[in-house]
C-alpha atoms as a PDB file:
ATOM      1  CA  MET A   1      43.303  -0.992  13.812  1.00  0.00           C
ATOM      2  CA  SER A   2      40.175   0.585  13.985  1.00  0.00           C
ATOM      3  CA  GLN A   3      37.023  -0.807  12.319  1.00  0.00           C
ATOM      4  CA  PRO A   4      35.373   0.685   9.235  1.00  0.00           C
ATOM      5  CA  ASP A   5      32.210   2.504  10.477  1.00  0.00           C
ATOM      6  CA  LEU A   6      29.568   0.372   9.872  1.00  0.00           C
ATOM      7  CA  GLU A   7      26.029   1.560   8.982  1.00  0.00           C
ATOM      8  CA  PRO A   8      23.204  -1.086  10.355  1.00  0.00           C
ATOM      9  CA  VAL A   9      21.538  -3.031   7.891  1.00  0.00           C
ATOM     10  CA  ALA A  10      17.337  -3.121   8.356  1.00  0.00           C
ATOM     11  CA  PRO A  11      16.258  -6.458   8.126  1.00  0.00           C
ATOM     12  CA  THR A  12      14.658  -6.775   4.117  1.00  0.00           C
ATOM     13  CA  ARG A  13      10.937  -7.192   4.716  1.00  0.00           C
ATOM     14  CA  ILE A  14       8.230  -9.114   2.193  1.00  0.00           C
ATOM     15  CA  VAL A  15       4.558  -8.582   2.142  1.00  0.00           C
ATOM     16  CA  THR A  16       1.979  -9.385   0.319  1.00  0.00           C
ATOM     17  CA  CYS A  17       1.296  -7.746  -2.900  1.00  0.00           C
ATOM     18  CA  PRO A  18      -2.353  -5.592  -2.614  1.00  0.00           C
ATOM     19  CA  GLY A  19      -2.436  -6.277  -6.386  1.00  0.00           C
ATOM     20  CA  CYS A  20      -1.753  -9.902  -7.565  1.00  0.00           C
ATOM     21  CA  GLY A  21      -1.186 -11.503  -3.690  1.00  0.00           C
ATOM     22  CA  GLY A  22       2.020 -12.344  -4.464  1.00  0.00           C
ATOM     23  CA  ILE A  23       5.377 -11.884  -2.920  1.00  0.00           C
ATOM     24  CA  SER A  24       6.645  -8.168  -2.782  1.00  0.00           C
ATOM     25  CA  VAL A  25       9.894  -6.266  -1.064  1.00  0.00           C
ATOM     26  CA  TYR A  26       8.740  -3.523   1.198  1.00  0.00           C
ATOM     27  CA  ALA A  27      12.205  -1.467   0.621  1.00  0.00           C
ATOM     28  CA  ALA A  28      13.527   1.549  -0.726  1.00  0.00           C
ATOM     29  CA  SER A  29      14.846  -0.488  -3.111  1.00  0.00           C
ATOM     30  CA  ASN A  30      11.184  -1.195  -4.576  1.00  0.00           C
ATOM     31  CA  ARG A  31      10.319   1.807  -6.247  1.00  0.00           C
ATOM     32  CA  TYR A  32       6.462   0.611  -6.186  1.00  0.00           C
ATOM     33  CA  ARG A  33       5.887  -1.080  -2.852  1.00  0.00           C
ATOM     34  CA  PRO A  34       4.045  -2.301  -1.120  1.00  0.00           C
ATOM     35  CA  PHE A  35       3.189  -3.297  -4.670  1.00  0.00           C
ATOM     36  CA  CYS A  36       5.286  -5.904  -6.608  1.00  0.00           C
ATOM     37  CA  SER A  37       5.477  -4.145 -10.047  1.00  0.00           C
ATOM     38  CA  GLU A  38       4.371  -1.131 -11.751  1.00  0.00           C
ATOM     39  CA  ARG A  39       1.385  -3.253 -13.234  1.00  0.00           C
ATOM     40  CA  CYS A  40       0.122  -4.451 -10.002  1.00  0.00           C
ATOM     41  CA  LYS A  41       0.480  -0.051  -8.945  1.00  0.00           C
ATOM     42  CA  GLN A  42      -1.296   0.916 -11.952  1.00  0.00           C
ATOM     43  CA  LEU A  43      -3.886  -1.382 -12.154  1.00  0.00           C
ATOM     44  CA  ASP A  44      -4.734  -0.135  -8.176  1.00  0.00           C
ATOM     45  CA  LEU A  45      -4.322   3.276  -9.483  1.00  0.00           C
ATOM     46  CA  GLY A  46      -6.839   2.600 -12.473  1.00  0.00           C
ATOM     47  CA  ALA A  47      -9.347   1.020  -9.688  1.00  0.00           C
ATOM     48  CA  TRP A  48      -9.511   4.195  -7.200  1.00  0.00           C
ATOM     49  CA  ALA A  49      -9.741   6.378 -10.449  1.00  0.00           C
ATOM     50  CA  SER A  50     -12.634   4.188 -11.495  1.00  0.00           C
ATOM     51  CA  GLU A  51     -14.497   4.621  -8.269  1.00  0.00           C
ATOM     52  CA  GLN A  52     -13.859   0.625  -7.630  1.00  0.00           C
ATOM     53  CA  PHE A  53     -12.932   1.288  -4.198  1.00  0.00           C
ATOM     54  CA  ALA A  54     -15.604   3.068  -2.104  1.00  0.00           C
ATOM     55  CA  VAL A  55     -16.186   3.834   1.502  1.00  0.00           C
ATOM     56  CA  PRO A  56     -20.270   2.801   1.898  1.00  0.00           C
ATOM     57  CA  ALA A  57     -22.135   6.024   2.960  1.00  0.00           C
ATOM     58  CA  VAL A  58     -24.484   5.107   6.141  1.00  0.00           C
ATOM     59  CA  GLU A  59     -27.617   7.594   5.471  1.00  0.00           C
ATOM     60  CA  PRO A  60     -28.821   8.780   8.690  1.00  0.00           C
ATOM     61  CA  PRO A  61     -32.586   7.724   9.149  1.00  0.00           C
ATOM     62  CA  GLU A  62     -35.291   9.899   7.635  1.00  0.00           C
ATOM     63  CA  ASP A  63     -36.308  11.014  11.379  1.00  0.00           C
ATOM     64  CA  PHE A  64     -33.369  12.090  12.135  1.00  0.00           C
ATOM     65  CA  LEU A  65     -32.865  16.214  13.162  1.00  0.00           C
ATOM     66  CA  PRO A  66     -29.716  17.463  13.860  1.00  0.00           C
ATOM     67  CA  ASP A  67     -28.557  19.640  17.029  1.00  0.00           C
END
């Protein structure tokens, strides 16, 4: 008797939703990953689009001369 071919099942990974801080399943079955919902994903996209998230620019001193 042969055993059926079994595909390995990846463990379910639970992460914190970056939008609301709730739990979110980080797997292909969650189309909003790493977010928990479409709402959290859209709120994050809106924050990026309105430039609420930005990397601060560090300006060189005025006496800095480039090479």
